[in-house]
Amino acid sequence: MNDIPTVSFCVALHLAQIKNRRKFIMFDYGSAVANMEAYGFLWPLDFREYYFLIDILVDLFAGRNDKVIRPSMVRKHYKMMKDVGMEVSYNEFECFYEAVTPPEIVEVHEKRGAGLRYCGFIVDNYVFR
């Protein structure tokens, strides 16, 4: 039972939206009114357009066996973040989607003295978490 990959319907729907639009967008609630209520914008924002606003260390990781979010996609975002001057690190581990915080990740953070961090950023006075 532990080796069955699982994902919630809403996460699967969001991943499908990202794949279909070929953009790293926030979840689209399906109407301008619903998006405005959720985000304060008529449309879901594309995170990539706002990477330059992130001014904290970002640690990305990927599971080599992950079939939901492939390492190649994480590396793509790592490169985009580096290109805009972000302080970002990237590591790959022998894990898959369900293993969100394997011991190896915690160990990397402990070695760096960083701890696991909560990340958020601001666009036009709106905080995204």
C-alpha atoms as a PDB file:
ATOM      1  CA  MET A   1       0.000   0.000   0.000  1.00  0.00           C
ATOM      2  CA  ASN A   2       2.916   2.374   0.667  1.00  0.00           C
ATOM      3  CA  ASP A   3       4.058   2.317  -2.951  1.00  0.00           C
ATOM      4  CA  ILE A   4       0.789   3.497  -4.513  1.00  0.00           C
ATOM      5  CA  PRO A   5       1.216   7.090  -5.697  1.00  0.00           C
ATOM      6  CA  THR A   6      -1.652   9.314  -4.629  1.00  0.00           C
ATOM      7  CA  VAL A   7      -2.681  12.857  -5.356  1.00  0.00           C
ATOM      8  CA  SER A   8      -5.848  14.769  -4.481  1.00  0.00           C
ATOM      9  CA  PHE A   9      -8.367  15.675  -7.173  1.00  0.00           C
ATOM     10  CA  CYS A  10      -7.721  19.411  -6.721  1.00  0.00           C
ATOM     11  CA  VAL A  11      -3.951  18.961  -7.029  1.00  0.00           C
ATOM     12  CA  ALA A  12      -4.448  16.821 -10.146  1.00  0.00           C
ATOM     13  CA  LEU A  13      -6.763  19.476 -11.612  1.00  0.00           C
ATOM     14  CA  HIS A  14      -4.210  22.208 -10.887  1.00  0.00           C
ATOM     15  CA  LEU A  15      -1.408  20.168 -12.474  1.00  0.00           C
ATOM     16  CA  ALA A  16      -3.647  19.621 -15.529  1.00  0.00           C
ATOM     17  CA  GLN A  17      -4.233  23.389 -15.787  1.00  0.00           C
ATOM     18  CA  ILE A  18      -0.482  24.007 -15.659  1.00  0.00           C
ATOM     19  CA  LYS A  19       0.187  21.349 -18.285  1.00  0.00           C
ATOM     20  CA  ASN A  20      -2.598  22.461 -20.652  1.00  0.00           C
ATOM     21  CA  ARG A  21      -1.656  26.143 -20.519  1.00  0.00           C
ATOM     22  CA  ARG A  22       2.081  25.445 -20.456  1.00  0.00           C
ATOM     23  CA  LYS A  23       2.437  28.054 -17.699  1.00  0.00           C
ATOM     24  CA  PHE A  24       3.270  27.758 -13.999  1.00  0.00           C
ATOM     25  CA  ILE A  25      -0.003  29.401 -12.957  1.00  0.00           C
ATOM     26  CA  MET A  26      -1.890  29.563  -9.709  1.00  0.00           C
ATOM     27  CA  PHE A  27      -5.059  27.469  -9.544  1.00  0.00           C
ATOM     28  CA  ASP A  28      -7.733  28.832 -11.897  1.00  0.00           C
ATOM     29  CA  TYR A  29     -11.099  28.832 -10.160  1.00  0.00           C
ATOM     30  CA  GLY A  30     -12.874  29.057 -13.520  1.00  0.00           C
ATOM     31  CA  SER A  31     -14.261  32.578 -13.418  1.00  0.00           C
ATOM     32  CA  ALA A  32     -12.972  36.110 -13.038  1.00  0.00           C
ATOM     33  CA  VAL A  33     -15.190  36.591  -9.973  1.00  0.00           C
ATOM     34  CA  ALA A  34     -13.876  33.460  -8.221  1.00  0.00           C
ATOM     35  CA  ASN A  35     -10.257  34.289  -9.074  1.00  0.00           C
ATOM     36  CA  MET A  36     -10.749  37.860  -7.828  1.00  0.00           C
ATOM     37  CA  GLU A  37     -12.182  36.541  -4.576  1.00  0.00           C
ATOM     38  CA  ALA A  38      -9.297  34.110  -4.080  1.00  0.00           C
ATOM     39  CA  TYR A  39      -6.359  36.197  -5.326  1.00  0.00           C
ATOM     40  CA  GLY A  40      -7.450  39.778  -5.854  1.00  0.00           C
ATOM     41  CA  PHE A  41      -6.807  39.341  -9.593  1.00  0.00           C
ATOM     42  CA  LEU A  42      -9.160  38.443 -12.444  1.00  0.00           C
ATOM     43  CA  TRP A  43      -6.880  35.640 -13.623  1.00  0.00           C
ATOM     44  CA  PRO A  44      -4.441  33.239 -11.992  1.00  0.00           C
ATOM     45  CA  LEU A  45      -0.926  34.673 -11.995  1.00  0.00           C
ATOM     46  CA  ASP A  46       2.003  32.928 -13.661  1.00  0.00           C
ATOM     47  CA  PHE A  47       4.567  32.478 -10.890  1.00  0.00           C
ATOM     48  CA  ARG A  48       7.486  32.668 -13.340  1.00  0.00           C
ATOM     49  CA  GLU A  49       6.668  36.311 -14.111  1.00  0.00           C
ATOM     50  CA  TYR A  50       7.231  37.232 -10.455  1.00  0.00           C
ATOM     51  CA  TYR A  51      10.341  35.212  -9.542  1.00  0.00           C
ATOM     52  CA  PHE A  52      12.339  38.456  -9.501  1.00  0.00           C
ATOM     53  CA  LEU A  53      10.338  39.600  -6.456  1.00  0.00           C
ATOM     54  CA  ILE A  54      11.491  36.699  -4.285  1.00  0.00           C
ATOM     55  CA  ASP A  55      14.343  37.896  -2.098  1.00  0.00           C
ATOM     56  CA  ILE A  56      14.809  34.909   0.198  1.00  0.00           C
ATOM     57  CA  LEU A  57      16.812  31.712  -0.197  1.00  0.00           C
ATOM     58  CA  VAL A  58      14.788  29.062  -2.048  1.00  0.00           C
ATOM     59  CA  ASP A  59      15.721  25.389  -1.778  1.00  0.00           C
ATOM     60  CA  LEU A  60      14.295  23.263  -4.593  1.00  0.00           C
ATOM     61  CA  PHE A  61      14.378  19.492  -4.571  1.00  0.00           C
ATOM     62  CA  ALA A  62      13.193  16.775  -6.906  1.00  0.00           C
ATOM     63  CA  GLY A  63      12.654  13.062  -6.585  1.00  0.00           C
ATOM     64  CA  ARG A  64      14.477  11.106  -9.270  1.00  0.00           C
ATOM     65  CA  ASN A  65      11.563   8.654  -9.415  1.00  0.00           C
ATOM     66  CA  ASP A  66       8.826  11.286  -9.291  1.00  0.00           C
ATOM     67  CA  LYS A  67       6.267  10.807 -12.063  1.00  0.00           C
ATOM     68  CA  VAL A  68       4.022  13.685 -10.948  1.00  0.00           C
ATOM     69  CA  ILE A  69       6.531  16.547 -10.949  1.00  0.00           C
ATOM     70  CA  ARG A  70       9.522  15.392 -12.962  1.00  0.00           C
ATOM     71  CA  PRO A  71      13.055  16.517 -12.048  1.00  0.00           C
ATOM     72  CA  SER A  72      13.409  18.124 -15.498  1.00  0.00           C
ATOM     73  CA  MET A  73      10.588  20.543 -14.629  1.00  0.00           C
ATOM     74  CA  VAL A  74      12.163  21.443 -11.292  1.00  0.00           C
ATOM     75  CA  ARG A  75      15.513  22.022 -13.041  1.00  0.00           C
ATOM     76  CA  LYS A  76      13.734  24.297 -15.549  1.00  0.00           C
ATOM     77  CA  HIS A  77      12.436  26.491 -12.731  1.00  0.00           C
ATOM     78  CA  TYR A  78      15.818  26.378 -10.995  1.00  0.00           C
ATOM     79  CA  LYS A  79      17.412  27.802 -14.157  1.00  0.00           C
ATOM     80  CA  MET A  80      14.741  30.514 -14.471  1.00  0.00           C
ATOM     81  CA  MET A  81      15.255  31.503 -10.834  1.00  0.00           C
ATOM     82  CA  LYS A  82      19.037  31.622 -11.257  1.00  0.00           C
ATOM     83  CA  ASP A  83      18.631  33.711 -14.426  1.00  0.00           C
ATOM     84  CA  VAL A  84      16.778  36.454 -12.524  1.00  0.00           C
ATOM     85  CA  GLY A  85      19.424  36.475  -9.782  1.00  0.00           C
ATOM     86  CA  MET A  86      17.614  34.556  -7.059  1.00  0.00           C
ATOM     87  CA  GLU A  87      19.540  32.766  -4.342  1.00  0.00           C
ATOM     88  CA  VAL A  88      18.392  29.224  -5.073  1.00  0.00           C
ATOM     89  CA  SER A  89      19.717  25.706  -4.536  1.00  0.00           C
ATOM     90  CA  TYR A  90      18.725  22.433  -6.196  1.00  0.00           C
ATOM     91  CA  ASN A  91      19.069  18.834  -5.027  1.00  0.00           C
ATOM     92  CA  GLU A  92      17.757  15.511  -6.321  1.00  0.00           C
ATOM     93  CA  PHE A  93      16.903  12.596  -4.075  1.00  0.00           C
ATOM     94  CA  GLU A  94      15.910   8.957  -4.484  1.00  0.00           C
ATOM     95  CA  CYS A  95      12.267   9.573  -3.682  1.00  0.00           C
ATOM     96  CA  PHE A  96       8.961  10.289  -5.374  1.00  0.00           C
ATOM     97  CA  TYR A  97       6.017  12.661  -5.008  1.00  0.00           C
ATOM     98  CA  GLU A  98       4.663  11.327  -1.704  1.00  0.00           C
ATOM     99  CA  ALA A  99       8.032  11.645   0.034  1.00  0.00           C
ATOM    100  CA  VAL A 100       7.802  15.401   0.534  1.00  0.00           C
ATOM    101  CA  THR A 101      10.271  15.662   3.426  1.00  0.00           C
ATOM    102  CA  PRO A 102      12.588  12.658   3.309  1.00  0.00           C
ATOM    103  CA  PRO A 103      15.421  12.552   5.864  1.00  0.00           C
ATOM    104  CA  GLU A 104      17.937  13.540   3.163  1.00  0.00           C
ATOM    105  CA  ILE A 105      16.214  16.908   2.670  1.00  0.00           C
ATOM    106  CA  VAL A 106      16.158  17.651   6.392  1.00  0.00           C
ATOM    107  CA  GLU A 107      19.841  16.676   6.538  1.00  0.00           C
ATOM    108  CA  VAL A 108      20.724  19.141   3.730  1.00  0.00           C
ATOM    109  CA  HIS A 109      18.946  21.934   5.598  1.00  0.00           C
ATOM    110  CA  GLU A 110      20.604  21.050   8.893  1.00  0.00           C
ATOM    111  CA  LYS A 111      24.061  21.056   7.283  1.00  0.00           C
ATOM    112  CA  ARG A 112      23.371  24.517   5.897  1.00  0.00           C
ATOM    113  CA  GLY A 113      21.934  25.657   9.231  1.00  0.00           C
ATOM    114  CA  ALA A 114      18.824  26.705   7.400  1.00  0.00           C
ATOM    115  CA  GLY A 115      15.919  24.682   8.750  1.00  0.00           C
ATOM    116  CA  LEU A 116      12.827  24.142   6.643  1.00  0.00           C
ATOM    117  CA  ARG A 117      11.408  27.504   5.641  1.00  0.00           C
ATOM    118  CA  TYR A 118       7.993  28.913   4.970  1.00  0.00           C
ATOM    119  CA  CYS A 119       8.009  30.824   1.676  1.00  0.00           C
ATOM    120  CA  GLY A 120       5.816  33.644   0.471  1.00  0.00           C
ATOM    121  CA  PHE A 121       6.121  36.619  -1.820  1.00  0.00           C
ATOM    122  CA  ILE A 122       4.268  39.863  -2.445  1.00  0.00           C
ATOM    123  CA  VAL A 123       2.810  41.168  -5.706  1.00  0.00           C
ATOM    124  CA  ASP A 124       1.061  44.541  -5.574  1.00  0.00           C
ATOM    125  CA  ASN A 125       0.670  44.300  -1.767  1.00  0.00           C
ATOM    126  CA  TYR A 126      -0.859  40.802  -1.948  1.00  0.00           C
ATOM    127  CA  VAL A 127       0.950  38.013  -0.095  1.00  0.00           C
ATOM    128  CA  PHE A 128       1.149  34.608  -1.797  1.00  0.00           C
ATOM    129  CA  ARG A 129       1.878  31.609   0.390  1.00  0.00           C
END
